[in-house]
N, C-alpha and C. Protein backbone atom coordinates (compact mmCIF):
# COMPACT_ATOMS: atom_id res chain seq x y z
N MET A 1 108.77 81.09 91.78
CA MET A 1 108.28 82.41 92.23
C MET A 1 106.85 82.27 92.74
N THR A 2 106.62 82.68 93.97
CA THR A 2 105.28 82.62 94.56
C THR A 2 104.74 84.04 94.70
N VAL A 3 103.71 84.31 93.92
CA VAL A 3 103.16 85.67 93.90
C VAL A 3 101.68 85.61 94.30
N PRO A 4 101.26 86.39 95.29
CA PRO A 4 99.85 86.41 95.67
C PRO A 4 98.99 87.06 94.60
N PRO A 5 97.66 86.93 94.69
CA PRO A 5 96.77 87.54 93.70
C PRO A 5 97.06 89.04 93.57
N PRO A 6 97.04 89.55 92.35
CA PRO A 6 97.41 90.96 92.15
C PRO A 6 96.41 91.94 92.72
N ILE A 7 96.95 93.05 93.15
CA ILE A 7 96.18 94.18 93.65
C ILE A 7 96.36 95.35 92.69
N VAL A 8 95.26 96.00 92.34
CA VAL A 8 95.34 97.21 91.52
C VAL A 8 94.87 98.39 92.38
N ALA A 9 95.71 99.41 92.42
CA ALA A 9 95.46 100.58 93.26
C ALA A 9 95.40 101.84 92.39
N PRO A 10 94.22 102.27 91.97
CA PRO A 10 94.13 103.51 91.20
C PRO A 10 94.67 104.70 91.99
N SER A 11 95.44 105.53 91.30
CA SER A 11 96.02 106.71 91.94
C SER A 11 95.15 107.93 91.70
N ILE A 12 94.70 108.55 92.79
CA ILE A 12 93.86 109.74 92.62
C ILE A 12 94.66 110.95 92.17
N LEU A 13 95.98 110.81 92.07
CA LEU A 13 96.77 111.90 91.50
C LEU A 13 96.31 112.20 90.08
N ALA A 14 95.77 111.20 89.38
CA ALA A 14 95.30 111.37 88.01
C ALA A 14 93.80 111.68 87.93
N ALA A 15 93.15 111.77 89.08
CA ALA A 15 91.72 112.04 89.11
C ALA A 15 91.45 113.54 89.00
N ASP A 16 90.18 113.88 88.85
CA ASP A 16 89.75 115.27 88.83
C ASP A 16 89.62 115.74 90.28
N PHE A 17 90.53 116.60 90.71
CA PHE A 17 90.54 117.03 92.12
C PHE A 17 89.28 117.80 92.50
N ALA A 18 88.56 118.33 91.55
CA ALA A 18 87.33 119.05 91.85
C ALA A 18 86.17 118.09 92.13
N ARG A 19 86.40 116.79 91.82
CA ARG A 19 85.33 115.80 91.97
C ARG A 19 85.88 114.54 92.65
N LEU A 20 86.70 114.72 93.65
CA LEU A 20 87.42 113.56 94.20
C LEU A 20 86.50 112.47 94.73
N ALA A 21 85.47 112.83 95.46
CA ALA A 21 84.59 111.80 96.01
C ALA A 21 83.93 111.00 94.89
N GLU A 22 83.50 111.67 93.84
CA GLU A 22 82.90 110.97 92.70
C GLU A 22 83.92 110.09 92.00
N GLU A 23 85.13 110.59 91.85
CA GLU A 23 86.17 109.83 91.18
C GLU A 23 86.52 108.57 91.98
N VAL A 24 86.51 108.67 93.29
CA VAL A 24 86.77 107.51 94.13
C VAL A 24 85.65 106.48 93.96
N ARG A 25 84.43 106.96 93.98
CA ARG A 25 83.29 106.04 93.86
C ARG A 25 83.26 105.38 92.48
N ALA A 26 83.88 105.99 91.49
CA ALA A 26 83.89 105.42 90.14
C ALA A 26 84.67 104.12 90.05
N VAL A 27 85.52 103.85 91.04
CA VAL A 27 86.30 102.60 91.03
C VAL A 27 85.90 101.66 92.15
N GLU A 28 84.84 101.99 92.89
CA GLU A 28 84.38 101.09 93.95
C GLU A 28 83.87 99.80 93.32
N GLY A 29 84.14 98.70 93.97
CA GLY A 29 83.76 97.40 93.45
C GLY A 29 84.77 96.83 92.47
N ALA A 30 85.75 97.63 92.08
CA ALA A 30 86.79 97.17 91.15
C ALA A 30 88.17 97.31 91.77
N ALA A 31 88.46 98.45 92.38
CA ALA A 31 89.78 98.70 92.94
C ALA A 31 89.99 97.92 94.23
N ASP A 32 91.20 97.41 94.41
CA ASP A 32 91.56 96.74 95.66
C ASP A 32 91.97 97.75 96.72
N TRP A 33 92.79 98.69 96.32
CA TRP A 33 93.23 99.80 97.16
C TRP A 33 93.01 101.10 96.40
N LEU A 34 93.05 102.20 97.10
CA LEU A 34 93.07 103.53 96.49
C LEU A 34 94.40 104.17 96.86
N HIS A 35 95.18 104.51 95.84
CA HIS A 35 96.52 105.06 96.08
C HIS A 35 96.43 106.58 96.24
N VAL A 36 96.95 107.06 97.34
CA VAL A 36 96.88 108.48 97.67
C VAL A 36 98.29 109.03 97.77
N ASP A 37 98.68 109.88 96.83
CA ASP A 37 100.02 110.46 96.79
C ASP A 37 100.06 111.76 97.58
N VAL A 38 100.85 111.77 98.62
CA VAL A 38 101.03 112.97 99.45
C VAL A 38 102.43 113.52 99.16
N MET A 39 102.48 114.72 98.57
CA MET A 39 103.76 115.34 98.21
C MET A 39 103.85 116.71 98.87
N ASP A 40 105.05 117.06 99.33
CA ASP A 40 105.20 118.25 100.17
C ASP A 40 105.96 119.42 99.53
N ASN A 41 106.38 119.26 98.27
CA ASN A 41 107.17 120.29 97.59
C ASN A 41 108.55 120.48 98.23
N HIS A 42 108.98 119.50 99.02
CA HIS A 42 110.34 119.50 99.59
C HIS A 42 111.06 118.21 99.19
N PHE A 43 110.50 117.08 99.59
CA PHE A 43 111.10 115.81 99.20
C PHE A 43 111.00 115.60 97.69
N VAL A 44 109.88 116.00 97.13
CA VAL A 44 109.69 116.00 95.68
C VAL A 44 109.21 117.40 95.26
N PRO A 45 109.47 117.80 94.01
CA PRO A 45 109.12 119.16 93.58
C PRO A 45 107.68 119.28 93.13
N ASN A 46 106.78 118.86 93.98
CA ASN A 46 105.36 118.97 93.66
C ASN A 46 104.60 119.02 94.98
N LEU A 47 103.42 119.59 94.94
CA LEU A 47 102.59 119.74 96.14
C LEU A 47 101.21 119.19 95.81
N THR A 48 100.75 118.23 96.63
CA THR A 48 99.44 117.65 96.35
C THR A 48 98.52 117.82 97.56
N ILE A 49 98.01 116.72 98.08
CA ILE A 49 97.04 116.79 99.15
C ILE A 49 97.67 116.35 100.47
N GLY A 50 96.95 116.59 101.55
CA GLY A 50 97.45 116.24 102.87
C GLY A 50 96.40 115.56 103.71
N LEU A 51 96.64 115.56 104.99
CA LEU A 51 95.82 114.80 105.93
C LEU A 51 94.34 115.21 105.93
N PRO A 52 93.98 116.50 105.87
CA PRO A 52 92.54 116.83 105.88
C PRO A 52 91.77 116.22 104.72
N VAL A 53 92.39 116.18 103.54
CA VAL A 53 91.71 115.58 102.39
C VAL A 53 91.55 114.08 102.59
N VAL A 54 92.58 113.44 103.11
CA VAL A 54 92.49 112.00 103.37
C VAL A 54 91.39 111.71 104.39
N GLN A 55 91.32 112.52 105.42
CA GLN A 55 90.27 112.33 106.43
C GLN A 55 88.88 112.48 105.82
N SER A 56 88.71 113.46 104.94
CA SER A 56 87.41 113.67 104.30
C SER A 56 87.06 112.53 103.36
N LEU A 57 88.02 112.09 102.58
CA LEU A 57 87.77 111.00 101.63
C LEU A 57 87.50 109.69 102.34
N ARG A 58 88.11 109.50 103.49
CA ARG A 58 87.93 108.24 104.22
C ARG A 58 86.44 108.01 104.51
N ALA A 59 85.72 109.11 104.73
CA ALA A 59 84.29 109.00 105.03
C ALA A 59 83.46 108.76 103.78
N ALA A 60 84.07 108.85 102.60
CA ALA A 60 83.33 108.79 101.35
C ALA A 60 83.38 107.43 100.67
N THR A 61 84.23 106.52 101.18
CA THR A 61 84.41 105.24 100.49
C THR A 61 84.88 104.16 101.45
N GLN A 62 84.64 102.92 101.07
CA GLN A 62 85.13 101.79 101.86
C GLN A 62 86.42 101.20 101.30
N ILE A 63 86.91 101.72 100.17
CA ILE A 63 88.13 101.18 99.57
C ILE A 63 89.32 101.43 100.51
N PRO A 64 90.14 100.44 100.77
CA PRO A 64 91.32 100.66 101.62
C PRO A 64 92.26 101.68 101.00
N PHE A 65 92.78 102.58 101.84
CA PHE A 65 93.67 103.63 101.36
C PHE A 65 95.12 103.17 101.45
N ASP A 66 95.81 103.34 100.34
CA ASP A 66 97.24 103.05 100.21
C ASP A 66 97.94 104.40 100.11
N VAL A 67 98.38 104.93 101.23
CA VAL A 67 98.92 106.29 101.28
C VAL A 67 100.43 106.25 101.03
N HIS A 68 100.86 107.03 100.06
CA HIS A 68 102.27 107.08 99.66
C HIS A 68 102.82 108.46 100.02
N LEU A 69 103.63 108.51 101.05
CA LEU A 69 104.17 109.78 101.56
C LEU A 69 105.48 110.10 100.86
N MET A 70 105.43 111.09 99.97
CA MET A 70 106.64 111.61 99.35
C MET A 70 106.97 112.93 100.03
N ILE A 71 107.40 112.80 101.29
CA ILE A 71 107.59 113.96 102.15
C ILE A 71 108.86 113.82 102.97
N THR A 72 109.40 114.95 103.39
CA THR A 72 110.48 114.93 104.37
C THR A 72 109.87 114.72 105.75
N ASP A 73 110.65 114.21 106.66
CA ASP A 73 110.25 113.98 108.05
C ASP A 73 108.99 113.12 108.17
N PRO A 74 108.97 111.95 107.53
CA PRO A 74 107.78 111.10 107.65
C PRO A 74 107.52 110.63 109.08
N ARG A 75 108.56 110.60 109.91
CA ARG A 75 108.36 110.17 111.32
C ARG A 75 107.34 111.08 112.02
N ARG A 76 107.34 112.34 111.62
CA ARG A 76 106.42 113.30 112.23
C ARG A 76 104.99 113.12 111.74
N TRP A 77 104.82 112.84 110.45
CA TRP A 77 103.49 112.91 109.83
C TRP A 77 102.83 111.56 109.60
N ALA A 78 103.62 110.51 109.39
CA ALA A 78 103.04 109.24 108.96
C ALA A 78 102.00 108.67 109.92
N PRO A 79 102.23 108.68 111.25
CA PRO A 79 101.23 108.08 112.13
C PRO A 79 99.85 108.74 112.04
N GLY A 80 99.80 110.01 111.68
CA GLY A 80 98.52 110.68 111.53
C GLY A 80 97.66 110.07 110.44
N TYR A 81 98.31 109.59 109.38
CA TYR A 81 97.55 108.94 108.31
C TYR A 81 97.03 107.58 108.75
N ALA A 82 97.80 106.89 109.57
CA ALA A 82 97.30 105.64 110.16
C ALA A 82 96.11 105.92 111.05
N ASP A 83 96.21 106.97 111.86
CA ASP A 83 95.10 107.33 112.75
C ASP A 83 93.86 107.74 111.95
N ALA A 84 94.06 108.26 110.73
CA ALA A 84 92.95 108.69 109.89
C ALA A 84 92.27 107.52 109.19
N GLY A 85 92.81 106.32 109.36
CA GLY A 85 92.17 105.15 108.80
C GLY A 85 92.82 104.58 107.56
N ALA A 86 94.03 105.04 107.23
CA ALA A 86 94.73 104.46 106.09
C ALA A 86 95.03 102.99 106.35
N TYR A 87 94.85 102.17 105.33
CA TYR A 87 95.14 100.75 105.45
C TYR A 87 96.64 100.51 105.42
N ASN A 88 97.32 101.19 104.50
CA ASN A 88 98.75 101.03 104.31
C ASN A 88 99.38 102.42 104.21
N VAL A 89 100.43 102.66 104.96
CA VAL A 89 101.14 103.94 104.89
C VAL A 89 102.58 103.66 104.49
N THR A 90 102.97 104.20 103.34
CA THR A 90 104.30 103.98 102.80
C THR A 90 105.10 105.27 102.83
N PHE A 91 106.34 105.18 103.30
CA PHE A 91 107.22 106.35 103.33
C PHE A 91 108.51 105.98 102.61
N HIS A 92 109.28 107.00 102.25
CA HIS A 92 110.48 106.77 101.45
C HIS A 92 111.70 106.49 102.32
N ALA A 93 112.45 105.47 101.92
CA ALA A 93 113.70 105.14 102.59
C ALA A 93 114.65 106.32 102.61
N GLU A 94 114.63 107.10 101.53
CA GLU A 94 115.55 108.23 101.40
C GLU A 94 115.25 109.36 102.38
N ALA A 95 114.05 109.35 102.97
CA ALA A 95 113.62 110.45 103.84
C ALA A 95 113.61 110.07 105.32
N CYS A 96 114.06 108.86 105.64
CA CYS A 96 113.93 108.38 107.02
C CYS A 96 115.22 107.72 107.48
N ASP A 97 115.72 108.14 108.64
CA ASP A 97 116.99 107.58 109.13
C ASP A 97 116.79 106.31 109.95
N ASP A 98 115.55 105.99 110.31
CA ASP A 98 115.29 104.76 111.07
C ASP A 98 113.98 104.15 110.57
N PRO A 99 113.99 103.54 109.38
CA PRO A 99 112.75 103.02 108.81
C PRO A 99 112.06 101.97 109.68
N VAL A 100 112.83 101.13 110.34
CA VAL A 100 112.23 100.07 111.13
C VAL A 100 111.44 100.64 112.31
N ALA A 101 111.97 101.67 112.94
CA ALA A 101 111.25 102.29 114.06
C ALA A 101 109.93 102.90 113.60
N LEU A 102 109.94 103.55 112.44
CA LEU A 102 108.70 104.14 111.94
C LEU A 102 107.71 103.05 111.53
N ALA A 103 108.21 101.96 110.98
CA ALA A 103 107.32 100.85 110.65
C ALA A 103 106.61 100.33 111.89
N LYS A 104 107.34 100.23 112.99
CA LYS A 104 106.73 99.79 114.25
C LYS A 104 105.67 100.76 114.71
N ASP A 105 105.94 102.07 114.56
CA ASP A 105 104.95 103.08 114.95
C ASP A 105 103.67 102.95 114.13
N LEU A 106 103.83 102.72 112.84
CA LEU A 106 102.67 102.61 111.96
C LEU A 106 101.85 101.37 112.31
N ARG A 107 102.53 100.27 112.53
CA ARG A 107 101.80 99.06 112.90
C ARG A 107 101.10 99.23 114.24
N SER A 108 101.74 99.93 115.16
CA SER A 108 101.11 100.18 116.46
C SER A 108 99.87 101.05 116.33
N ALA A 109 99.88 101.92 115.32
CA ALA A 109 98.73 102.81 115.07
C ALA A 109 97.64 102.12 114.26
N GLY A 110 97.86 100.88 113.87
CA GLY A 110 96.81 100.11 113.21
C GLY A 110 96.91 100.01 111.70
N ALA A 111 98.01 100.50 111.10
CA ALA A 111 98.17 100.46 109.65
C ALA A 111 99.24 99.44 109.26
N LYS A 112 99.20 99.03 108.01
CA LYS A 112 100.32 98.31 107.43
C LYS A 112 101.45 99.31 107.17
N ALA A 113 102.68 98.83 107.17
CA ALA A 113 103.83 99.71 106.97
C ALA A 113 104.48 99.41 105.63
N GLY A 114 104.73 100.47 104.87
CA GLY A 114 105.34 100.32 103.57
C GLY A 114 106.63 101.12 103.44
N LEU A 115 107.59 100.57 102.71
CA LEU A 115 108.86 101.24 102.45
C LEU A 115 108.96 101.48 100.95
N ALA A 116 109.22 102.72 100.56
CA ALA A 116 109.34 103.09 99.16
C ALA A 116 110.80 103.33 98.78
N ILE A 117 111.15 102.89 97.58
CA ILE A 117 112.50 103.05 97.03
C ILE A 117 112.39 103.85 95.74
N ASP A 118 113.04 105.00 95.67
CA ASP A 118 112.94 105.85 94.49
C ASP A 118 113.83 105.34 93.36
N ARG A 119 113.68 105.96 92.21
CA ARG A 119 114.33 105.51 90.98
C ARG A 119 115.83 105.29 91.12
N ASP A 120 116.53 106.24 91.75
CA ASP A 120 117.99 106.21 91.77
C ASP A 120 118.57 105.54 93.01
N THR A 121 117.73 104.95 93.84
CA THR A 121 118.19 104.35 95.09
C THR A 121 118.39 102.84 94.93
N PRO A 122 119.57 102.32 95.24
CA PRO A 122 119.77 100.87 95.19
C PRO A 122 118.88 100.18 96.21
N ILE A 123 118.41 99.01 95.85
CA ILE A 123 117.51 98.30 96.75
C ILE A 123 118.25 97.42 97.76
N GLU A 124 119.46 97.01 97.41
CA GLU A 124 120.17 96.02 98.22
C GLU A 124 120.33 96.40 99.70
N PRO A 125 120.64 97.68 100.03
CA PRO A 125 120.82 98.00 101.44
C PRO A 125 119.56 97.83 102.29
N TYR A 126 118.40 97.73 101.63
CA TYR A 126 117.15 97.70 102.37
C TYR A 126 116.51 96.31 102.43
N LEU A 127 117.08 95.35 101.73
CA LEU A 127 116.45 94.04 101.68
C LEU A 127 116.36 93.39 103.06
N GLU A 128 117.36 93.60 103.89
CA GLU A 128 117.35 92.96 105.21
C GLU A 128 116.32 93.60 106.15
N LEU A 129 115.78 94.76 105.77
CA LEU A 129 114.77 95.42 106.61
C LEU A 129 113.36 94.91 106.32
N LEU A 130 113.19 94.16 105.24
CA LEU A 130 111.85 93.85 104.75
C LEU A 130 110.98 93.05 105.73
N PRO A 131 111.53 92.23 106.62
CA PRO A 131 110.64 91.57 107.59
C PRO A 131 109.86 92.54 108.48
N SER A 132 110.32 93.77 108.57
CA SER A 132 109.63 94.78 109.39
C SER A 132 108.50 95.47 108.64
N PHE A 133 108.33 95.13 107.35
CA PHE A 133 107.37 95.84 106.51
C PHE A 133 106.33 94.90 105.91
N ASP A 134 105.23 95.50 105.50
CA ASP A 134 104.15 94.77 104.84
C ASP A 134 104.13 95.02 103.34
N THR A 135 104.71 96.15 102.91
CA THR A 135 104.73 96.53 101.51
C THR A 135 106.09 97.11 101.16
N LEU A 136 106.60 96.74 100.00
CA LEU A 136 107.77 97.39 99.42
C LEU A 136 107.31 98.04 98.12
N LEU A 137 107.39 99.36 98.06
CA LEU A 137 106.98 100.10 96.86
C LEU A 137 108.22 100.49 96.08
N ILE A 138 108.31 99.98 94.86
CA ILE A 138 109.45 100.28 94.00
C ILE A 138 109.00 101.23 92.91
N MET A 139 109.59 102.41 92.88
CA MET A 139 109.22 103.39 91.87
C MET A 139 109.76 102.93 90.52
N THR A 140 108.90 102.97 89.51
CA THR A 140 109.32 102.66 88.15
C THR A 140 109.39 103.93 87.30
N ILE A 141 109.44 105.06 88.00
CA ILE A 141 109.73 106.39 87.46
C ILE A 141 110.48 107.14 88.56
N LYS A 142 110.76 108.41 88.34
CA LYS A 142 111.26 109.28 89.40
C LYS A 142 110.08 109.82 90.19
N ALA A 143 110.10 109.67 91.49
CA ALA A 143 108.98 110.13 92.32
C ALA A 143 108.74 111.62 92.14
N GLY A 144 107.47 112.01 92.11
CA GLY A 144 107.14 113.42 92.14
C GLY A 144 106.09 113.90 91.18
N PHE A 145 105.90 113.21 90.06
CA PHE A 145 104.92 113.65 89.08
C PHE A 145 104.23 112.45 88.45
N GLY A 146 102.95 112.59 88.15
CA GLY A 146 102.24 111.57 87.41
C GLY A 146 102.50 111.71 85.92
N GLY A 147 102.10 110.69 85.17
CA GLY A 147 102.17 110.75 83.72
C GLY A 147 103.53 110.50 83.11
N GLN A 148 104.52 110.05 83.92
CA GLN A 148 105.84 109.78 83.37
C GLN A 148 105.89 108.41 82.68
N ARG A 149 106.89 108.24 81.82
CA ARG A 149 107.05 106.99 81.09
C ARG A 149 107.73 105.94 81.97
N PHE A 150 107.17 104.76 81.95
CA PHE A 150 107.67 103.59 82.66
C PHE A 150 109.12 103.29 82.27
N ILE A 151 109.96 102.97 83.26
CA ILE A 151 111.37 102.66 83.02
C ILE A 151 111.59 101.17 83.26
N PRO A 152 111.63 100.35 82.20
CA PRO A 152 111.69 98.90 82.39
C PRO A 152 112.93 98.42 83.12
N GLN A 153 114.04 99.16 83.04
CA GLN A 153 115.27 98.72 83.71
C GLN A 153 115.09 98.63 85.23
N LEU A 154 114.14 99.39 85.77
CA LEU A 154 113.93 99.37 87.22
C LEU A 154 113.28 98.08 87.69
N LEU A 155 112.81 97.27 86.77
CA LEU A 155 112.25 95.98 87.16
C LEU A 155 113.31 95.04 87.71
N GLU A 156 114.60 95.35 87.50
CA GLU A 156 115.64 94.55 88.13
C GLU A 156 115.52 94.61 89.66
N LYS A 157 115.09 95.76 90.16
CA LYS A 157 114.86 95.87 91.61
C LYS A 157 113.70 94.97 92.04
N VAL A 158 112.67 94.92 91.22
CA VAL A 158 111.53 94.05 91.54
C VAL A 158 111.97 92.59 91.57
N ARG A 159 112.77 92.19 90.59
CA ARG A 159 113.25 90.80 90.57
C ARG A 159 114.10 90.49 91.79
N ALA A 160 114.95 91.43 92.17
CA ALA A 160 115.79 91.21 93.36
C ALA A 160 114.94 91.09 94.61
N ALA A 161 113.92 91.96 94.71
CA ALA A 161 113.04 91.91 95.87
C ALA A 161 112.25 90.61 95.90
N ARG A 162 111.76 90.18 94.73
CA ARG A 162 110.98 88.93 94.70
C ARG A 162 111.84 87.74 95.12
N ARG A 163 113.07 87.69 94.65
CA ARG A 163 113.97 86.60 95.07
C ARG A 163 114.15 86.60 96.58
N HIS A 164 114.35 87.79 97.13
CA HIS A 164 114.59 87.90 98.57
C HIS A 164 113.34 87.52 99.36
N VAL A 165 112.19 87.99 98.92
CA VAL A 165 110.93 87.68 99.61
C VAL A 165 110.66 86.18 99.56
N ASP A 166 110.85 85.58 98.39
CA ASP A 166 110.57 84.15 98.26
C ASP A 166 111.56 83.31 99.05
N SER A 167 112.84 83.67 99.03
CA SER A 167 113.83 82.87 99.74
C SER A 167 113.65 82.96 101.25
N GLY A 168 113.14 84.10 101.72
CA GLY A 168 112.91 84.27 103.14
C GLY A 168 111.50 83.97 103.58
N HIS A 169 110.66 83.56 102.63
CA HIS A 169 109.25 83.25 102.91
C HIS A 169 108.56 84.41 103.63
N LEU A 170 108.81 85.61 103.14
CA LEU A 170 108.24 86.80 103.77
C LEU A 170 106.82 87.05 103.26
N GLU A 171 105.98 87.59 104.13
CA GLU A 171 104.66 88.04 103.72
C GLU A 171 104.76 89.53 103.43
N LEU A 172 104.95 89.84 102.18
CA LEU A 172 105.23 91.22 101.79
C LEU A 172 104.69 91.48 100.39
N ARG A 173 103.94 92.54 100.23
CA ARG A 173 103.50 92.97 98.91
C ARG A 173 104.63 93.74 98.22
N ILE A 174 104.88 93.42 96.95
CA ILE A 174 105.84 94.18 96.15
C ILE A 174 105.03 95.03 95.18
N GLU A 175 105.05 96.31 95.41
CA GLU A 175 104.21 97.26 94.67
C GLU A 175 105.07 98.07 93.71
N VAL A 176 104.53 98.34 92.53
CA VAL A 176 105.22 99.19 91.57
C VAL A 176 104.36 100.42 91.28
N ASP A 177 105.04 101.54 91.07
CA ASP A 177 104.36 102.82 90.92
C ASP A 177 105.08 103.65 89.86
N GLY A 178 104.37 103.94 88.78
CA GLY A 178 104.93 104.81 87.75
C GLY A 178 104.81 104.24 86.36
N GLY A 179 103.95 104.82 85.55
CA GLY A 179 103.81 104.39 84.18
C GLY A 179 103.15 103.04 84.00
N ILE A 180 102.42 102.58 85.02
CA ILE A 180 101.76 101.28 84.92
C ILE A 180 100.47 101.43 84.10
N ALA A 181 100.39 100.66 83.02
CA ALA A 181 99.25 100.71 82.11
C ALA A 181 99.14 99.36 81.42
N ALA A 182 98.21 99.26 80.47
CA ALA A 182 97.97 97.98 79.81
C ALA A 182 99.21 97.46 79.10
N ASP A 183 100.09 98.35 78.65
CA ASP A 183 101.28 97.91 77.91
C ASP A 183 102.50 97.68 78.78
N THR A 184 102.37 97.88 80.11
CA THR A 184 103.53 97.69 81.00
C THR A 184 103.25 96.77 82.18
N ILE A 185 102.00 96.58 82.53
CA ILE A 185 101.69 95.85 83.77
C ILE A 185 102.12 94.40 83.68
N GLU A 186 102.07 93.80 82.49
CA GLU A 186 102.48 92.41 82.38
C GLU A 186 103.97 92.24 82.64
N GLN A 187 104.78 93.19 82.16
CA GLN A 187 106.22 93.14 82.44
C GLN A 187 106.48 93.18 83.94
N ALA A 188 105.78 94.09 84.62
CA ALA A 188 105.98 94.25 86.06
C ALA A 188 105.52 93.02 86.82
N ALA A 189 104.41 92.45 86.39
CA ALA A 189 103.91 91.25 87.06
C ALA A 189 104.84 90.07 86.84
N ALA A 190 105.35 89.92 85.62
CA ALA A 190 106.27 88.83 85.33
C ALA A 190 107.56 88.95 86.12
N ALA A 191 107.94 90.19 86.46
CA ALA A 191 109.15 90.42 87.25
C ALA A 191 108.96 90.09 88.72
N GLY A 192 107.69 89.98 89.15
CA GLY A 192 107.43 89.62 90.53
C GLY A 192 106.62 90.61 91.33
N ALA A 193 106.19 91.71 90.71
CA ALA A 193 105.32 92.66 91.42
C ALA A 193 103.93 92.05 91.59
N ASP A 194 103.26 92.41 92.68
CA ASP A 194 101.91 91.91 92.89
C ASP A 194 100.93 93.00 93.31
N ALA A 195 101.38 94.23 93.35
CA ALA A 195 100.48 95.38 93.58
C ALA A 195 100.89 96.47 92.60
N PHE A 196 99.89 97.08 91.98
CA PHE A 196 100.15 97.96 90.84
C PHE A 196 99.40 99.27 91.00
N VAL A 197 100.16 100.36 91.05
CA VAL A 197 99.56 101.69 91.10
C VAL A 197 99.32 102.16 89.66
N ALA A 198 98.11 102.57 89.36
CA ALA A 198 97.79 103.02 88.01
C ALA A 198 96.98 104.30 88.10
N GLY A 199 97.52 105.37 87.49
CA GLY A 199 96.84 106.66 87.54
C GLY A 199 96.10 106.96 86.25
N THR A 200 96.82 107.45 85.26
CA THR A 200 96.22 107.83 83.99
C THR A 200 95.53 106.65 83.32
N ALA A 201 96.09 105.46 83.47
CA ALA A 201 95.52 104.27 82.84
C ALA A 201 94.11 103.98 83.35
N VAL A 202 93.81 104.43 84.57
CA VAL A 202 92.48 104.25 85.14
C VAL A 202 91.63 105.50 84.93
N TYR A 203 92.13 106.63 85.41
CA TYR A 203 91.30 107.84 85.39
C TYR A 203 91.29 108.54 84.03
N GLY A 204 92.13 108.09 83.11
CA GLY A 204 92.05 108.60 81.75
C GLY A 204 91.14 107.76 80.88
N ALA A 205 90.60 106.68 81.44
CA ALA A 205 89.73 105.77 80.69
C ALA A 205 88.28 106.23 80.78
N ALA A 206 87.50 105.85 79.78
CA ALA A 206 86.08 106.21 79.78
C ALA A 206 85.34 105.52 80.92
N ASP A 207 85.78 104.32 81.27
CA ASP A 207 85.17 103.56 82.36
C ASP A 207 86.29 103.16 83.32
N PRO A 208 86.54 103.93 84.37
CA PRO A 208 87.65 103.63 85.27
C PRO A 208 87.57 102.25 85.91
N ALA A 209 86.37 101.83 86.30
CA ALA A 209 86.25 100.52 86.95
C ALA A 209 86.62 99.40 85.98
N GLU A 210 86.19 99.51 84.75
CA GLU A 210 86.53 98.50 83.75
C GLU A 210 88.03 98.51 83.47
N ALA A 211 88.64 99.69 83.50
CA ALA A 211 90.09 99.77 83.30
C ALA A 211 90.83 99.03 84.41
N VAL A 212 90.34 99.15 85.64
CA VAL A 212 90.96 98.43 86.76
C VAL A 212 90.85 96.92 86.54
N ARG A 213 89.67 96.48 86.15
CA ARG A 213 89.47 95.04 85.94
C ARG A 213 90.36 94.52 84.81
N ARG A 214 90.50 95.32 83.78
CA ARG A 214 91.35 94.89 82.66
C ARG A 214 92.81 94.78 83.10
N LEU A 215 93.27 95.76 83.86
CA LEU A 215 94.66 95.72 84.34
C LEU A 215 94.89 94.50 85.22
N ARG A 216 93.94 94.21 86.10
CA ARG A 216 94.12 93.04 86.97
C ARG A 216 94.16 91.77 86.13
N GLY A 217 93.33 91.68 85.11
CA GLY A 217 93.34 90.51 84.25
C GLY A 217 94.66 90.32 83.53
N LEU A 218 95.25 91.42 83.08
CA LEU A 218 96.55 91.35 82.42
C LEU A 218 97.63 90.88 83.38
N ALA A 219 97.59 91.38 84.61
CA ALA A 219 98.57 90.96 85.62
C ALA A 219 98.41 89.47 85.95
N GLU A 220 97.18 89.02 86.07
CA GLU A 220 96.93 87.61 86.35
C GLU A 220 97.44 86.73 85.21
N ARG A 221 97.24 87.18 83.99
CA ARG A 221 97.69 86.41 82.83
C ARG A 221 99.22 86.30 82.81
N ALA A 222 99.88 87.39 83.16
CA ALA A 222 101.34 87.39 83.16
C ALA A 222 101.90 86.42 84.21
N VAL A 223 101.26 86.41 85.39
CA VAL A 223 101.73 85.52 86.45
C VAL A 223 101.48 84.06 86.06
N ALA A 224 100.30 83.81 85.47
CA ALA A 224 99.98 82.45 85.05
C ALA A 224 100.94 81.92 84.01
N GLY A 225 101.45 82.83 83.17
CA GLY A 225 102.37 82.41 82.11
C GLY A 225 103.83 82.41 82.52
N ALA A 226 104.10 82.88 83.75
CA ALA A 226 105.51 82.99 84.18
C ALA A 226 106.09 81.62 84.50
């Protein structure tokens, strides 16, 4: 198993929305990416932030934005996040009838393209699409709400993706999102994930930057021992 150095992406879904710029700066110098959950109250039963907030935050930090679109009709909205300066824009396979075409649009707009797979979606039908993507995000909870408990059985998808990526020598980040914390990140890393979204584990800590560093250290230890 060949796994690149781990990336930790704090999720601002767990941050104080009244102090977003400060919360973002609290992880500068520690976070690799900043995970931004965009929910529309249609694809998932929750409503969060949208493009204007992303545009405002982009001016407040140098951390690369990892935008996760939990929305219907991502073909309409996703390129706008790339235009706003997002480093990586991920949309859900369940919400898009032509994922490869949208991936091309995102790359043309200057962003990395990510494909997300929700809890109840089999991964096998999408493995052959992975050469068109830069990131595969595997939900380790049901998409839509923060603070849910990690579901270890979903790591079978991570293992399947890692086998496929390694056998095809693909350059692809395998990202996990949901319940990632000090007691779960090692399992996910050992399964083959190399990018980790962490919300409460970071923003619920007294020192968010130190929490990020600790999580990355745990992931590195798991890979070294695999």
